[in-house]
Amino acid sequence: MPATSPFPIEGGCDCRHVRYRVESEPLFVHCCHCRWCQRESGASFALNAMIEADRVTLLAAEPEVIDTPSESGEGQRIARCPKCRIAIWSHYAGAGPLVSFVRVGTLDNPDLLPPDVHIFTASKQPWVVIPVDVPAVPEFYDREELWPPESLLRRQVLLPLIERYKASLRRNA
């Protein structure tokens, strides 16, 4: 990251119907090479900036949220433009609507958010070359090892909210 913060930053879909602003630095940026992300993105990996959902501000049009299967079996909810169908962000079952996984490629300047880690590299395409200075793991990683201290503190604030969210799901089941 540059010495001066570029945040907030903006992004949106191809047709510009859905526009959003990321208000602060994300918690962490994943470059996921799992086969599910490859299939869903139609590319060799998915690049997602994980951030608290309340730090993503909609600027134009509500995305349409589509329930989509995931390898965990718990699914994900993908926010897509209702016109051009571009995926803007996802909410995974683990944190539900409290954490957004913003598709870095939908940012006006995606160069601002390179990956902090490459995950599920055991299934990466063999021709993808991962830079030696970026952590890479065959599956998943230890958050305490890789996340910046500020992101770990922000996660501590999220955890009770996530627990309440999960408890509400159990009550309504």
C-alpha atoms as a PDB file:
ATOM      1  CA  MET A   1       0.000   0.000   0.000  1.00  0.00           C
ATOM      2  CA  PRO A   2       1.181   3.527  -0.734  1.00  0.00           C
ATOM      3  CA  ALA A   3       2.219   5.799   2.155  1.00  0.00           C
ATOM      4  CA  THR A   4      -0.929   7.905   1.697  1.00  0.00           C
ATOM      5  CA  SER A   5      -4.232   6.082   1.716  1.00  0.00           C
ATOM      6  CA  PRO A   6      -6.095   5.977  -1.592  1.00  0.00           C
ATOM      7  CA  PHE A   7      -9.389   5.379   0.230  1.00  0.00           C
ATOM      8  CA  PRO A   8     -12.193   5.780  -0.391  1.00  0.00           C
ATOM      9  CA  ILE A   9     -12.111   4.114  -3.817  1.00  0.00           C
ATOM     10  CA  GLU A  10     -14.955   3.438  -6.234  1.00  0.00           C
ATOM     11  CA  GLY A  11     -16.054   0.707  -8.567  1.00  0.00           C
ATOM     12  CA  GLY A  12     -19.004  -0.807 -10.318  1.00  0.00           C
ATOM     13  CA  CYS A  13     -20.264  -3.026 -13.083  1.00  0.00           C
ATOM     14  CA  ASP A  14     -19.591  -2.765 -16.822  1.00  0.00           C
ATOM     15  CA  CYS A  15     -22.751  -0.831 -17.646  1.00  0.00           C
ATOM     16  CA  ARG A  16     -22.288   1.525 -14.633  1.00  0.00           C
ATOM     17  CA  HIS A  17     -25.806   0.804 -13.382  1.00  0.00           C
ATOM     18  CA  VAL A  18     -24.398  -0.435 -10.048  1.00  0.00           C
ATOM     19  CA  ARG A  19     -21.755   1.813  -8.483  1.00  0.00           C
ATOM     20  CA  TYR A  20     -20.178   1.519  -5.048  1.00  0.00           C
ATOM     21  CA  ARG A  21     -17.471   3.028  -2.855  1.00  0.00           C
ATOM     22  CA  VAL A  22     -15.062   1.127  -0.593  1.00  0.00           C
ATOM     23  CA  GLU A  23     -14.668   3.483   2.351  1.00  0.00           C
ATOM     24  CA  SER A  24     -11.465   2.055   3.872  1.00  0.00           C
ATOM     25  CA  GLU A  25      -8.684  -0.418   3.334  1.00  0.00           C
ATOM     26  CA  PRO A  26     -10.026  -3.979   3.204  1.00  0.00           C
ATOM     27  CA  LEU A  27      -9.310  -6.492   5.935  1.00  0.00           C
ATOM     28  CA  PHE A  28      -7.360  -8.675   3.494  1.00  0.00           C
ATOM     29  CA  VAL A  29      -7.225  -9.472  -0.220  1.00  0.00           C
ATOM     30  CA  HIS A  30      -7.486 -13.114  -1.310  1.00  0.00           C
ATOM     31  CA  CYS A  31      -6.437 -14.486  -4.663  1.00  0.00           C
ATOM     32  CA  CYS A  32      -8.262 -17.811  -4.636  1.00  0.00           C
ATOM     33  CA  HIS A  33      -7.194 -20.551  -7.040  1.00  0.00           C
ATOM     34  CA  CYS A  34      -9.794 -23.160  -5.997  1.00  0.00           C
ATOM     35  CA  ARG A  35     -11.730 -24.893  -8.763  1.00  0.00           C
ATOM     36  CA  TRP A  36     -15.006 -23.370  -7.548  1.00  0.00           C
ATOM     37  CA  CYS A  37     -13.634 -19.829  -7.976  1.00  0.00           C
ATOM     38  CA  GLN A  38     -12.187 -20.771 -11.347  1.00  0.00           C
ATOM     39  CA  ARG A  39     -15.573 -22.062 -12.503  1.00  0.00           C
ATOM     40  CA  GLU A  40     -17.567 -19.169 -11.050  1.00  0.00           C
ATOM     41  CA  SER A  41     -15.280 -16.475 -12.459  1.00  0.00           C
ATOM     42  CA  GLY A  42     -14.551 -18.222 -15.739  1.00  0.00           C
ATOM     43  CA  ALA A  43     -10.899 -17.364 -15.092  1.00  0.00           C
ATOM     44  CA  SER A  44      -7.880 -18.960 -13.443  1.00  0.00           C
ATOM     45  CA  PHE A  45      -8.623 -17.378 -10.034  1.00  0.00           C
ATOM     46  CA  ALA A  46     -10.865 -14.948  -8.163  1.00  0.00           C
ATOM     47  CA  LEU A  47      -9.467 -11.796  -6.544  1.00  0.00           C
ATOM     48  CA  ASN A  48     -11.601 -10.635  -3.614  1.00  0.00           C
ATOM     49  CA  ALA A  49     -11.108  -7.799  -1.136  1.00  0.00           C
ATOM     50  CA  MET A  50     -12.623  -8.854   2.181  1.00  0.00           C
ATOM     51  CA  ILE A  51     -14.185  -5.893   4.011  1.00  0.00           C
ATOM     52  CA  GLU A  52     -16.917  -5.123   6.517  1.00  0.00           C
ATOM     53  CA  ALA A  53     -20.162  -4.696   4.549  1.00  0.00           C
ATOM     54  CA  ASP A  54     -20.903  -1.380   6.279  1.00  0.00           C
ATOM     55  CA  ARG A  55     -17.701  -0.010   4.730  1.00  0.00           C
ATOM     56  CA  VAL A  56     -19.100  -0.529   1.213  1.00  0.00           C
ATOM     57  CA  THR A  57     -21.469   2.257   0.190  1.00  0.00           C
ATOM     58  CA  LEU A  58     -23.841   1.891  -2.729  1.00  0.00           C
ATOM     59  CA  LEU A  59     -23.731   4.953  -4.986  1.00  0.00           C
ATOM     60  CA  ALA A  60     -26.177   3.839  -7.688  1.00  0.00           C
ATOM     61  CA  ALA A  61     -28.715   1.015  -8.105  1.00  0.00           C
ATOM     62  CA  GLU A  62     -29.153  -1.997  -5.870  1.00  0.00           C
ATOM     63  CA  PRO A  63     -27.461  -5.162  -7.080  1.00  0.00           C
ATOM     64  CA  GLU A  64     -29.518  -8.318  -7.398  1.00  0.00           C
ATOM     65  CA  VAL A  65     -28.435 -10.949  -4.879  1.00  0.00           C
ATOM     66  CA  ILE A  66     -28.249 -14.502  -6.226  1.00  0.00           C
ATOM     67  CA  ASP A  67     -27.873 -17.602  -4.046  1.00  0.00           C
ATOM     68  CA  THR A  68     -25.036 -19.684  -5.496  1.00  0.00           C
ATOM     69  CA  PRO A  69     -23.557 -23.040  -4.424  1.00  0.00           C
ATOM     70  CA  SER A  70     -20.103 -23.174  -2.851  1.00  0.00           C
ATOM     71  CA  GLU A  71     -17.644 -25.949  -2.069  1.00  0.00           C
ATOM     72  CA  SER A  72     -18.463 -25.674   1.655  1.00  0.00           C
ATOM     73  CA  GLY A  73     -22.039 -26.667   0.875  1.00  0.00           C
ATOM     74  CA  GLU A  74     -23.259 -23.551   2.694  1.00  0.00           C
ATOM     75  CA  GLY A  75     -23.429 -21.408  -0.431  1.00  0.00           C
ATOM     76  CA  GLN A  76     -22.696 -17.789  -1.094  1.00  0.00           C
ATOM     77  CA  ARG A  77     -24.823 -14.826  -2.051  1.00  0.00           C
ATOM     78  CA  ILE A  78     -23.444 -13.018  -5.098  1.00  0.00           C
ATOM     79  CA  ALA A  79     -24.455  -9.387  -5.678  1.00  0.00           C
ATOM     80  CA  ARG A  80     -24.788  -8.868  -9.440  1.00  0.00           C
ATOM     81  CA  CYS A  81     -25.842  -5.974 -11.604  1.00  0.00           C
ATOM     82  CA  PRO A  82     -29.443  -6.649 -12.666  1.00  0.00           C
ATOM     83  CA  LYS A  83     -28.659  -5.283 -16.147  1.00  0.00           C
ATOM     84  CA  CYS A  84     -25.194  -6.517 -17.215  1.00  0.00           C
ATOM     85  CA  ARG A  85     -25.050  -9.412 -14.664  1.00  0.00           C
ATOM     86  CA  ILE A  86     -21.464  -8.642 -13.550  1.00  0.00           C
ATOM     87  CA  ALA A  87     -20.640 -10.023 -10.081  1.00  0.00           C
ATOM     88  CA  ILE A  88     -19.754  -7.098  -7.796  1.00  0.00           C
ATOM     89  CA  TRP A  89     -19.271  -8.831  -4.414  1.00  0.00           C
ATOM     90  CA  SER A  90     -20.213 -11.930  -2.455  1.00  0.00           C
ATOM     91  CA  HIS A  91     -21.336 -12.762   1.043  1.00  0.00           C
ATOM     92  CA  TYR A  92     -20.233 -16.192   2.227  1.00  0.00           C
ATOM     93  CA  ALA A  93     -22.110 -18.226   4.829  1.00  0.00           C
ATOM     94  CA  GLY A  94     -19.407 -17.830   7.500  1.00  0.00           C
ATOM     95  CA  ALA A  95     -20.056 -14.122   8.112  1.00  0.00           C
ATOM     96  CA  GLY A  96     -23.233 -13.696   6.086  1.00  0.00           C
ATOM     97  CA  PRO A  97     -24.147 -10.134   5.147  1.00  0.00           C
ATOM     98  CA  LEU A  98     -21.617  -8.613   7.569  1.00  0.00           C
ATOM     99  CA  VAL A  99     -18.544  -9.142   5.366  1.00  0.00           C
ATOM    100  CA  SER A 100     -18.357  -8.389   1.659  1.00  0.00           C
ATOM    101  CA  PHE A 101     -15.887 -10.037  -0.683  1.00  0.00           C
ATOM    102  CA  VAL A 102     -15.583  -7.254  -3.262  1.00  0.00           C
ATOM    103  CA  ARG A 103     -14.458  -8.372  -6.717  1.00  0.00           C
ATOM    104  CA  VAL A 104     -11.257  -6.374  -7.145  1.00  0.00           C
ATOM    105  CA  GLY A 105     -11.691  -6.371 -10.926  1.00  0.00           C
ATOM    106  CA  THR A 106     -14.824  -4.229 -10.545  1.00  0.00           C
ATOM    107  CA  LEU A 107     -12.854  -1.361  -8.995  1.00  0.00           C
ATOM    108  CA  ASP A 108     -12.189   1.666 -11.178  1.00  0.00           C
ATOM    109  CA  ASN A 109      -8.515   1.164 -10.310  1.00  0.00           C
ATOM    110  CA  PRO A 110      -8.016  -2.512  -9.414  1.00  0.00           C
ATOM    111  CA  ASP A 111      -4.232  -1.969  -9.291  1.00  0.00           C
ATOM    112  CA  LEU A 112      -4.746  -0.488  -5.805  1.00  0.00           C
ATOM    113  CA  LEU A 113      -5.572  -3.883  -4.262  1.00  0.00           C
ATOM    114  CA  PRO A 114      -3.051  -6.569  -5.162  1.00  0.00           C
ATOM    115  CA  PRO A 115      -3.408  -9.905  -3.366  1.00  0.00           C
ATOM    116  CA  ASP A 116      -2.179 -10.244   0.213  1.00  0.00           C
ATOM    117  CA  VAL A 117      -2.216 -14.034  -0.144  1.00  0.00           C
ATOM    118  CA  HIS A 118      -2.749 -16.711  -2.784  1.00  0.00           C
ATOM    119  CA  ILE A 119      -4.981 -19.499  -1.440  1.00  0.00           C
ATOM    120  CA  PHE A 120      -5.857 -22.983  -2.689  1.00  0.00           C
ATOM    121  CA  THR A 121      -2.755 -23.009  -4.854  1.00  0.00           C
ATOM    122  CA  ALA A 122      -2.851 -26.822  -4.883  1.00  0.00           C
ATOM    123  CA  SER A 123      -5.495 -26.449  -7.619  1.00  0.00           C
ATOM    124  CA  LYS A 124      -4.083 -23.399  -9.404  1.00  0.00           C
ATOM    125  CA  GLN A 125      -3.561 -23.528 -13.134  1.00  0.00           C
ATOM    126  CA  PRO A 126      -0.002 -24.754 -13.754  1.00  0.00           C
ATOM    127  CA  TRP A 127       0.872 -21.769 -15.948  1.00  0.00           C
ATOM    128  CA  VAL A 128      -0.026 -19.198 -13.249  1.00  0.00           C
ATOM    129  CA  VAL A 129       3.173 -17.845 -11.707  1.00  0.00           C
ATOM    130  CA  ILE A 130       2.834 -16.503  -8.173  1.00  0.00           C
ATOM    131  CA  PRO A 131       5.297 -13.766  -7.149  1.00  0.00           C
ATOM    132  CA  VAL A 132       7.825 -15.024  -4.598  1.00  0.00           C
ATOM    133  CA  ASP A 133       7.178 -12.048  -2.284  1.00  0.00           C
ATOM    134  CA  VAL A 134       3.451 -12.822  -1.803  1.00  0.00           C
ATOM    135  CA  PRO A 135       2.403 -15.566   0.634  1.00  0.00           C
ATOM    136  CA  ALA A 136       0.919 -18.640  -1.062  1.00  0.00           C
ATOM    137  CA  VAL A 137      -0.645 -21.685   0.575  1.00  0.00           C
ATOM    138  CA  PRO A 138      -1.921 -25.002  -0.810  1.00  0.00           C
ATOM    139  CA  GLU A 139      -5.314 -24.530   0.878  1.00  0.00           C
ATOM    140  CA  PHE A 140      -6.064 -21.934   3.565  1.00  0.00           C
ATOM    141  CA  TYR A 141      -3.862 -19.980   5.982  1.00  0.00           C
ATOM    142  CA  ASP A 142      -3.566 -18.992   9.619  1.00  0.00           C
ATOM    143  CA  ARG A 143      -5.182 -15.552   9.899  1.00  0.00           C
ATOM    144  CA  GLU A 144      -3.122 -14.654  12.975  1.00  0.00           C
ATOM    145  CA  GLU A 145       0.052 -15.218  10.958  1.00  0.00           C
ATOM    146  CA  LEU A 146      -0.797 -13.150   7.899  1.00  0.00           C
ATOM    147  CA  TRP A 147      -3.378 -10.482   8.667  1.00  0.00           C
ATOM    148  CA  PRO A 148      -2.156  -7.011   9.678  1.00  0.00           C
ATOM    149  CA  PRO A 149      -2.744  -6.154  13.368  1.00  0.00           C
ATOM    150  CA  GLU A 150      -5.380  -3.519  12.473  1.00  0.00           C
ATOM    151  CA  SER A 151      -7.366  -6.077  10.465  1.00  0.00           C
ATOM    152  CA  LEU A 152      -7.228  -8.531  13.368  1.00  0.00           C
ATOM    153  CA  LEU A 153      -8.622  -5.824  15.663  1.00  0.00           C
ATOM    154  CA  ARG A 154     -11.405  -5.045  13.189  1.00  0.00           C
ATOM    155  CA  ARG A 155     -12.200  -8.780  13.064  1.00  0.00           C
ATOM    156  CA  GLN A 156     -12.546  -8.832  16.864  1.00  0.00           C
ATOM    157  CA  VAL A 157     -15.261  -6.171  16.529  1.00  0.00           C
ATOM    158  CA  LEU A 158     -17.009  -8.296  13.877  1.00  0.00           C
ATOM    159  CA  LEU A 159     -16.992 -11.602  15.762  1.00  0.00           C
ATOM    160  CA  PRO A 160     -19.857 -10.853  18.213  1.00  0.00           C
ATOM    161  CA  LEU A 161     -21.944  -9.492  15.323  1.00  0.00           C
ATOM    162  CA  ILE A 162     -21.303 -12.652  13.329  1.00  0.00           C
ATOM    163  CA  GLU A 163     -22.291 -14.795  16.320  1.00  0.00           C
ATOM    164  CA  ARG A 164     -25.571 -12.854  16.697  1.00  0.00           C
ATOM    165  CA  TYR A 165     -26.233 -13.260  12.982  1.00  0.00           C
ATOM    166  CA  LYS A 166     -25.645 -17.034  13.160  1.00  0.00           C
ATOM    167  CA  ALA A 167     -27.815 -17.307  16.281  1.00  0.00           C
ATOM    168  CA  SER A 168     -30.658 -15.533  14.460  1.00  0.00           C
ATOM    169  CA  LEU A 169     -30.402 -18.089  11.659  1.00  0.00           C
ATOM    170  CA  ARG A 170     -30.654 -20.961  14.140  1.00  0.00           C
ATOM    171  CA  ARG A 171     -33.713 -19.368  15.777  1.00  0.00           C
ATOM    172  CA  ASN A 172     -35.424 -18.930  12.413  1.00  0.00           C
ATOM    173  CA  ALA A 173     -34.572 -22.443  11.162  1.00  0.00           C
END
